[in-house]
Protein backbone atom coordinates (compact mmCIF):
# COMPACT_ATOMS: atom_id res chain seq x y z
CA MET A 1 19.91 32.70 27.97
CA HIS A 2 21.56 34.51 31.19
CA PHE A 3 20.55 33.52 34.71
CA ASP A 4 20.96 35.11 38.01
CA ALA A 5 23.35 33.33 40.33
CA ILE A 6 20.73 31.56 42.35
CA THR A 7 18.88 30.40 39.25
CA TYR A 8 21.99 29.30 37.61
CA SER A 9 23.08 27.18 40.56
CA LEU A 10 19.56 25.45 40.57
CA LEU A 11 19.84 24.87 37.05
CA LYS A 12 23.28 23.49 36.98
CA ASP A 13 23.66 20.01 35.45
CA ARG A 14 19.78 20.00 34.62
CA LYS A 15 18.28 19.92 31.30
CA LEU A 16 16.06 22.46 29.74
CA ILE A 17 13.00 21.45 27.37
CA ASN A 18 11.28 24.28 25.49
CA VAL A 19 7.55 23.56 25.84
CA ALA A 20 6.19 26.88 24.52
CA SER A 21 4.39 25.09 21.96
CA SER A 22 2.21 23.37 24.80
CA CYS A 23 1.60 26.31 26.72
CA LYS A 24 -1.51 28.65 26.57
CA LEU A 25 -1.23 32.56 26.40
CA GLU A 26 -4.03 34.95 27.47
CA VAL A 27 -3.55 38.85 26.73
CA PRO A 28 -6.48 40.29 28.53
CA ASP A 29 -5.57 43.86 27.56
CA TRP A 30 -5.43 43.32 23.91
CA THR A 31 -9.21 43.01 23.15
CA ASP A 32 -11.73 45.58 21.53
CA SER A 33 -14.67 45.96 19.64
CA VAL A 34 -15.67 47.62 16.48
CA SER A 35 -19.23 48.94 15.34
CA GLY A 36 -20.36 50.00 12.02
CA GLU A 37 -17.31 49.34 9.91
CA VAL A 38 -18.10 49.90 6.13
CA LEU A 39 -17.07 46.82 4.29
CA ALA A 40 -18.87 47.96 0.91
CA THR A 41 -21.34 50.31 -0.67
CA GLY A 42 -24.16 48.82 -2.84
CA ASP A 43 -24.21 50.00 -6.56
CA GLY A 44 -27.69 48.44 -7.20
CA SER A 45 -26.05 45.45 -9.19
CA GLN A 46 -23.15 43.88 -7.16
CA THR A 47 -24.05 40.78 -5.16
CA HIS A 48 -20.64 39.35 -4.03
CA PHE A 49 -18.23 41.01 -1.74
CA THR A 50 -15.00 40.01 -0.43
CA GLY A 51 -12.31 41.79 1.29
CA THR A 52 -10.46 42.00 4.97
CA ILE A 53 -11.79 43.95 7.75
CA ASP A 54 -9.62 46.68 9.60
CA TYR A 55 -8.82 44.63 12.94
CA GLN A 56 -7.82 41.00 13.38
CA PRO A 57 -8.03 38.56 14.72
CA VAL A 58 -11.85 38.22 15.08
CA ASN A 59 -12.48 36.97 18.51
CA PRO A 60 -14.98 35.42 18.75
CA LEU A 61 -16.16 34.53 15.35
CA ASN A 62 -19.63 34.59 16.44
CA SER A 63 -19.44 38.24 17.26
CA PHE A 64 -19.18 39.14 13.59
CA THR A 65 -22.75 40.76 12.56
CA ILE A 66 -23.31 42.38 9.20
CA HIS A 67 -26.01 44.82 8.47
CA TYR A 68 -27.30 45.44 4.76
CA THR A 69 -30.40 46.82 2.87
CA ILE A 70 -32.27 45.29 0.04
CA GLY A 71 -35.57 46.39 -1.31
CA GLY A 72 -35.68 49.07 1.32
CA THR A 73 -35.50 46.79 4.22
CA THR A 74 -32.41 46.43 6.50
CA TYR A 75 -31.40 43.14 7.63
CA ASP A 76 -28.89 41.73 10.06
CA ALA A 77 -27.07 38.50 9.91
CA THR A 78 -24.54 37.09 12.53
CA ALA A 79 -21.68 34.40 12.01
CA ASP A 80 -21.60 31.22 14.02
CA SER A 81 -18.76 29.82 15.95
CA ASP A 82 -17.13 28.54 12.91
CA GLY A 83 -17.55 31.81 10.91
CA ASN A 84 -20.50 30.76 8.63
CA ILE A 85 -22.90 33.73 7.93
CA THR A 86 -26.40 33.03 7.15
CA GLY A 87 -29.38 35.25 6.85
CA THR A 88 -32.15 36.67 4.51
CA HIS A 89 -30.99 37.06 1.07
CA ILE A 90 -27.72 35.60 1.84
CA THR A 91 -26.77 32.54 -0.47
CA SER A 92 -23.17 32.10 1.20
CA GLY A 93 -21.20 33.83 3.74
CA THR A 94 -18.01 33.18 5.61
CA ILE A 95 -15.66 35.09 8.00
CA ASN A 96 -12.29 33.79 9.25
CA GLN A 97 -10.30 34.80 12.33
CA GLU A 98 -7.68 36.68 9.99
CA GLY A 99 -10.61 39.01 9.25
CA GLN A 100 -11.29 37.79 5.63
CA TYR A 101 -14.85 37.82 4.60
CA ASP A 102 -16.57 36.20 1.45
CA ILE A 103 -20.29 37.01 1.23
CA THR A 104 -22.94 36.42 -1.58
CA PHE A 105 -26.39 37.87 -1.72
CA ASP A 106 -29.27 36.48 -4.09
CA THR A 107 -30.20 40.11 -4.78
CA PRO A 108 -28.09 43.29 -5.22
CA LEU A 109 -27.82 45.58 -2.26
CA ASP A 110 -29.70 48.95 -2.60
CA ASN A 111 -27.84 51.53 -4.41
CA GLY A 112 -25.69 53.77 -2.23
CA THR A 113 -26.49 51.74 0.95
CA ASP A 114 -23.58 50.37 3.07
CA LEU A 115 -22.68 46.84 3.97
CA THR A 116 -21.49 47.30 7.56
CA ALA A 117 -20.16 45.04 10.44
CA ASP A 118 -19.81 44.87 14.00
CA TYR A 119 -17.30 42.58 15.78
CA GLN A 120 -14.99 41.83 18.58
CA HIS A 121 -11.32 41.62 18.02
CA GLY A 122 -8.15 40.58 20.07
CA ILE A 123 -6.05 37.69 21.27
CA ALA A 124 -7.90 34.80 22.50
CA PRO A 125 -6.36 32.40 24.85
CA ALA A 126 -3.96 30.61 22.34
CA ASN A 127 -0.85 28.48 22.01
CA VAL A 128 2.07 30.64 22.71
CA GLU A 129 3.88 30.31 19.35
CA ASN A 130 0.48 31.01 17.64
CA ALA A 131 -0.47 34.17 19.56
CA LEU A 132 2.79 35.77 18.64
CA TYR A 133 2.44 34.84 14.95
CA PRO A 134 2.20 38.41 13.37
CA LYS A 135 -1.21 38.27 12.28
CA TYR A 136 -2.36 37.58 15.59
CA GLN A 137 -0.92 40.53 16.90
CA PRO A 138 -3.42 43.53 17.74
CA SER A 139 -3.61 45.74 14.62
CA ASP A 140 -2.30 48.81 16.76
CA TRP A 141 0.03 46.47 18.80
CA GLY A 142 -0.76 48.25 22.00
CA TRP A 143 -0.76 52.17 22.06
CA LYS A 144 -1.51 52.51 25.80
CA THR A 145 -1.63 55.48 28.38
CA CYS A 146 -1.11 53.73 31.63
CA GLN A 147 0.33 54.20 34.98
CA GLY A 148 1.09 51.07 37.10
CA ASN A 149 1.00 47.36 35.86
CA CYS A 150 0.22 47.16 32.05
CA TRP A 151 0.34 44.87 29.03
CA THR A 152 -0.41 41.83 31.08
CA LEU A 153 0.67 38.38 29.72
CA ILE A 154 -0.61 35.23 31.43
CA ILE A 155 1.25 32.01 30.73
CA LYS A 156 -0.33 28.80 31.48
CA PHE A 157 2.14 25.82 31.91
CA PRO A 158 0.93 22.35 30.45
CA THR A 159 1.59 20.30 33.47
CA PRO A 160 2.92 20.80 37.06
CA GLY A 161 6.69 21.11 37.23
CA TYR A 162 9.33 23.77 37.35
CA TYR A 163 9.68 26.32 34.50
CA VAL A 164 11.55 29.56 33.39
CA VAL A 165 10.28 32.02 31.06
CA ARG A 166 12.11 34.17 28.52
CA ILE A 167 10.24 37.10 26.88
CA VAL A 168 11.63 39.49 24.21
CA ALA A 169 9.79 43.01 23.67
CA ASP A 170 10.62 46.16 21.86
CA GLY A 171 8.86 49.44 22.08
CA CYS A 172 9.09 53.44 22.40
CA TYR A 173 7.01 56.23 23.65
CA THR A 174 5.27 59.04 21.92
CA SER A 175 6.13 62.82 22.47
CA THR A 176 4.67 63.83 25.76
CA GLY A 177 6.40 66.87 26.41
CA LYS A 178 9.15 64.89 28.23
CA THR A 179 12.73 65.10 27.64
CA GLY A 180 15.06 62.15 27.81
CA ASP A 181 14.38 58.46 27.76
CA THR A 182 11.37 56.81 29.54
CA THR A 183 12.01 53.66 31.79
CA ILE A 184 9.48 50.97 32.54
CA THR A 185 10.20 48.10 34.83
CA PRO A 186 9.61 44.46 33.81
CA GLU A 187 7.91 42.20 36.38
CA PHE A 188 7.38 38.49 36.34
CA ASP A 189 4.46 37.89 38.82
CA TYR A 190 3.34 34.46 40.27
CA TYR A 191 0.64 34.18 43.19
CA HIS A 192 2.02 36.54 46.19
CA GLY A 193 5.34 36.80 44.66
CA ALA A 194 7.07 38.90 42.20
CA PHE A 195 10.48 39.11 40.33
CA TYR A 196 12.00 42.28 38.61
CA PRO A 197 14.61 41.32 36.32
CA THR A 198 17.20 43.79 35.23
CA PRO A 199 17.82 46.00 33.47
CA ALA A 200 14.49 47.85 33.19
CA PHE A 201 13.25 48.86 29.64
CA GLN A 202 14.48 52.01 28.72
CA LEU A 203 12.28 53.42 25.82
CA LYS A 204 13.37 55.97 23.12
CA LEU A 205 11.08 58.39 21.47
CA GLU A 206 9.21 57.12 18.37
CA PRO A 207 10.24 56.03 15.91
CA ASP A 208 13.43 54.79 17.71
CA TYR A 209 12.50 51.48 19.03
CA ARG A 210 14.59 49.71 21.81
CA ARG A 211 14.39 45.85 22.00
CA MET A 212 15.18 43.97 25.26
CA GLY A 213 14.70 40.55 26.65
CA TRP A 214 14.36 39.12 30.36
CA VAL A 215 14.51 35.62 31.99
CA SER A 216 12.55 34.51 34.99
CA THR A 217 13.43 33.03 38.06
CA ILE A 218 12.10 29.32 38.34
CA PHE A 219 8.36 28.84 38.68
CA PRO A 220 7.14 26.00 40.65
CA PHE A 221 3.50 26.71 39.84
CA ASN A 222 0.99 26.20 36.97
CA LYS A 223 1.22 29.48 35.56
CA CYS A 224 2.96 32.96 35.69
CA ARG A 225 2.10 36.52 34.64
CA PHE A 226 4.31 38.93 33.00
CA GLN A 227 3.73 42.66 32.95
CA PHE A 228 5.39 46.13 32.72
CA TYR A 229 5.22 48.56 35.41
CA ALA A 230 4.88 52.26 34.21
CA SER A 231 5.88 54.63 37.05
CA ALA A 232 4.53 57.81 35.14
CA LEU A 233 1.38 58.45 33.12
CA GLN A 234 2.78 58.41 29.42
CA THR A 235 1.67 57.18 25.97
CA LEU A 236 3.73 54.00 25.19
CA LYS A 237 3.70 51.52 22.38
CA LEU A 238 5.09 48.08 22.87
CA ARG A 239 4.96 44.55 21.42
CA TYR A 240 5.92 41.11 22.36
CA LEU A 241 8.45 39.29 19.81
CA GLU A 242 9.24 36.07 21.44
CA ILE A 243 8.09 33.99 24.30
CA ASP A 244 9.96 30.68 25.40
CA VAL A 245 8.96 28.41 28.08
CA PHE A 246 11.49 25.97 29.41
CA ARG A 247 10.71 23.17 31.53
CA ILE A 248 13.36 21.98 33.88
CA ALA A 249 14.25 18.03 33.65
């Protein structure tokens, strides 16, 4: 890691312990909902349906509701907080956070009728390492049209102390009639203070992705927030690749 001169002087002869596995991550911008996604279409004989929904992770699991028609009657069934689905004509049913469903009915769905689902998806507060595991990235990983602060990450530290945070991201921008690269500014934000590490993030036109990383100043607080500042209204695409949190010992 590379630190500014002040941070380096404070860290000299101190030990850094990576505590990312003990931190919690919140990504408030990366949530959404789906209504009426077609999982399958009845053929009058099939009773067992499996597959994976379009957007993962399901968050929360008890937001997952299915709709189906048997004998001319339409039914609804909702999963519980563990992902178990129960309802009329359902002999077994499950949905997991990765979006994999397995549902068995005691009677075939009516021919030509759809089995559909409504659900919420996005990153729940999670361990930093787990949240950035690829299957927990938002399916579109962040198409945004924004001006000002965007792509906010909130990192909660495990105990009071002094911490530094390292973040690696990559991204690009889509064609907006603008020529040349697009620059967005990274910002570590804590309470009433902010730190803008250099250099800024200079994005290329899709599909040319640019990757960069930044290290924070020392945080003597229980959490920090990281976000990008976009000075112009543009369509950007970005994902976080790595987060490390070091406690100063």
